[in-house]
Amino acid sequence: MSAIINNKYGEIVLDEKVIATLAAESAQESYGIVGLVAQNTKDGLFELLKVGNKTKGVNVTINNNVVDIDLSVMLEFGVRISVVADNIIEKVKYTVEKNTKLKVNSVNIIVQRIRI
């Protein structure tokens, strides 16, 4: 589903992929994160995403212009998971709300792996 923003000139339609790209880019800037991870459901394997498919580790749901974001991530060994997750949540929420003017209801961090 897409988000629709109305203004005095008309309406702006934002696809989920746009929000997923914003979330992926802002999450990558956080300290302690190695990258986003996509799960190959067929094999049960996890793969670190390359530059071209970085939004596959992001799931965006939009209901009534309210956004919920799930991020599957790989973190660096030795970092405090809760602190890194809190930083990612704050950064993603701020970036998406600032750039789209949509309300972010939740940002969920799913830690899939730790890189040693």
Protein backbone atom coordinates (compact mmCIF):
# COMPACT_ATOMS: atom_id res chain seq x y z
CA MET A 1 0.00 0.00 0.00
CA SER A 2 1.15 3.55 -0.63
CA ALA A 3 0.97 6.67 1.52
CA ILE A 4 -0.85 9.74 0.18
CA ILE A 5 0.09 13.25 1.30
CA ASN A 6 -2.26 16.06 0.28
CA ASN A 7 -1.12 19.64 -0.09
CA LYS A 8 -2.53 22.77 -1.73
CA TYR A 9 -1.11 21.78 -5.14
CA GLY A 10 -2.40 18.22 -5.22
CA GLU A 11 -1.31 14.92 -3.75
CA ILE A 12 1.94 13.07 -3.34
CA VAL A 13 1.93 9.28 -3.45
CA LEU A 14 4.83 7.55 -1.66
CA ASP A 15 5.45 3.89 -2.40
CA GLU A 16 6.61 1.52 0.35
CA LYS A 17 9.93 1.12 -1.48
CA VAL A 18 10.71 4.81 -1.01
CA ILE A 19 10.22 4.54 2.73
CA ALA A 20 12.18 1.27 2.79
CA THR A 21 15.09 2.97 1.03
CA LEU A 22 15.07 5.86 3.53
CA ALA A 23 14.97 3.40 6.44
CA ALA A 24 17.78 1.26 4.99
CA GLU A 25 20.06 4.23 4.31
CA SER A 26 19.59 5.74 7.77
CA ALA A 27 20.04 2.38 9.52
CA GLN A 28 23.33 1.78 7.67
CA GLU A 29 24.73 5.00 9.17
CA SER A 30 24.35 3.73 12.75
CA TYR A 31 27.37 2.57 14.75
CA GLY A 32 27.58 -1.18 15.34
CA ILE A 33 25.52 -2.31 12.38
CA VAL A 34 27.24 -4.46 9.75
CA GLY A 35 24.31 -4.38 7.37
CA LEU A 36 20.80 -5.47 6.58
CA VAL A 37 20.10 -9.16 6.22
CA ALA A 38 17.60 -10.94 4.00
CA GLN A 39 16.40 -14.42 4.78
CA ASN A 40 16.23 -16.93 1.98
CA THR A 41 13.04 -18.62 3.13
CA LYS A 42 13.56 -21.59 0.85
CA ASP A 43 16.90 -22.57 2.36
CA GLY A 44 16.60 -20.90 5.78
CA LEU A 45 19.86 -19.07 5.06
CA PHE A 46 20.67 -15.47 5.81
CA GLU A 47 22.68 -13.27 3.47
CA LEU A 48 24.24 -9.88 3.98
CA LEU A 49 22.71 -7.62 1.35
CA LYS A 50 24.77 -5.98 -1.35
CA VAL A 51 24.30 -2.37 -2.42
CA GLY A 52 21.69 -3.25 -5.07
CA ASN A 53 19.19 -5.07 -2.84
CA LYS A 54 19.58 -3.35 0.48
CA THR A 55 15.83 -2.89 0.96
CA LYS A 56 15.16 -6.64 1.08
CA GLY A 57 15.97 -6.62 4.78
CA VAL A 58 13.30 -3.96 5.32
CA ASN A 59 9.56 -4.55 5.60
CA VAL A 60 7.31 -1.48 5.50
CA THR A 61 3.59 -1.47 6.27
CA ILE A 62 1.45 1.63 5.76
CA ASN A 63 -2.07 1.98 7.21
CA ASN A 64 -3.86 5.34 7.04
CA ASN A 65 -0.55 7.17 6.48
CA VAL A 66 0.94 5.59 9.62
CA VAL A 67 4.14 3.61 9.01
CA ASP A 68 5.45 0.44 10.66
CA ILE A 69 8.99 -0.65 9.77
CA ASP A 70 10.76 -3.97 10.42
CA LEU A 71 14.54 -4.14 9.91
CA SER A 72 16.49 -7.41 9.86
CA VAL A 73 20.08 -6.59 10.76
CA MET A 74 23.52 -8.04 11.38
CA LEU A 75 25.44 -6.40 14.22
CA GLU A 76 29.11 -6.25 15.09
CA PHE A 77 30.35 -8.51 17.88
CA GLY A 78 31.02 -6.71 21.16
CA VAL A 79 28.43 -3.96 20.87
CA ARG A 80 25.52 -3.59 23.27
CA ILE A 81 22.61 -4.86 21.22
CA SER A 82 19.99 -2.81 23.06
CA VAL A 83 21.95 0.44 22.66
CA VAL A 84 22.61 -0.13 18.95
CA ALA A 85 18.97 -1.11 18.38
CA ASP A 86 17.74 2.02 20.20
CA ASN A 87 20.05 4.20 18.08
CA ILE A 88 18.82 2.58 14.85
CA ILE A 89 15.19 3.01 15.89
CA GLU A 90 15.64 6.70 16.72
CA LYS A 91 17.60 7.44 13.54
CA VAL A 92 15.18 5.59 11.23
CA LYS A 93 12.12 7.15 12.85
CA TYR A 94 13.58 10.66 12.67
CA THR A 95 14.72 10.28 9.04
CA VAL A 96 11.44 8.86 7.76
CA GLU A 97 9.28 11.40 9.62
CA LYS A 98 11.49 14.32 8.58
CA ASN A 99 11.62 13.40 4.89
CA THR A 100 8.06 12.19 4.36
CA LYS A 101 5.95 14.01 6.99
CA LEU A 102 4.35 10.64 7.82
CA LYS A 103 3.97 9.37 11.39
CA VAL A 104 6.11 6.34 12.23
CA ASN A 105 4.21 4.11 14.63
CA SER A 106 6.96 1.54 15.20
CA VAL A 107 10.44 0.53 14.12
CA ASN A 108 11.20 -3.09 14.97
CA ILE A 109 14.76 -4.40 14.93
CA ILE A 110 15.24 -8.11 14.27
CA VAL A 111 18.84 -9.08 15.01
CA GLN A 112 19.50 -12.04 12.71
CA ARG A 113 23.24 -12.42 13.17
CA ILE A 114 26.32 -11.17 14.98
CA ARG A 115 29.54 -10.83 12.96
CA ILE A 116 32.53 -12.11 14.89
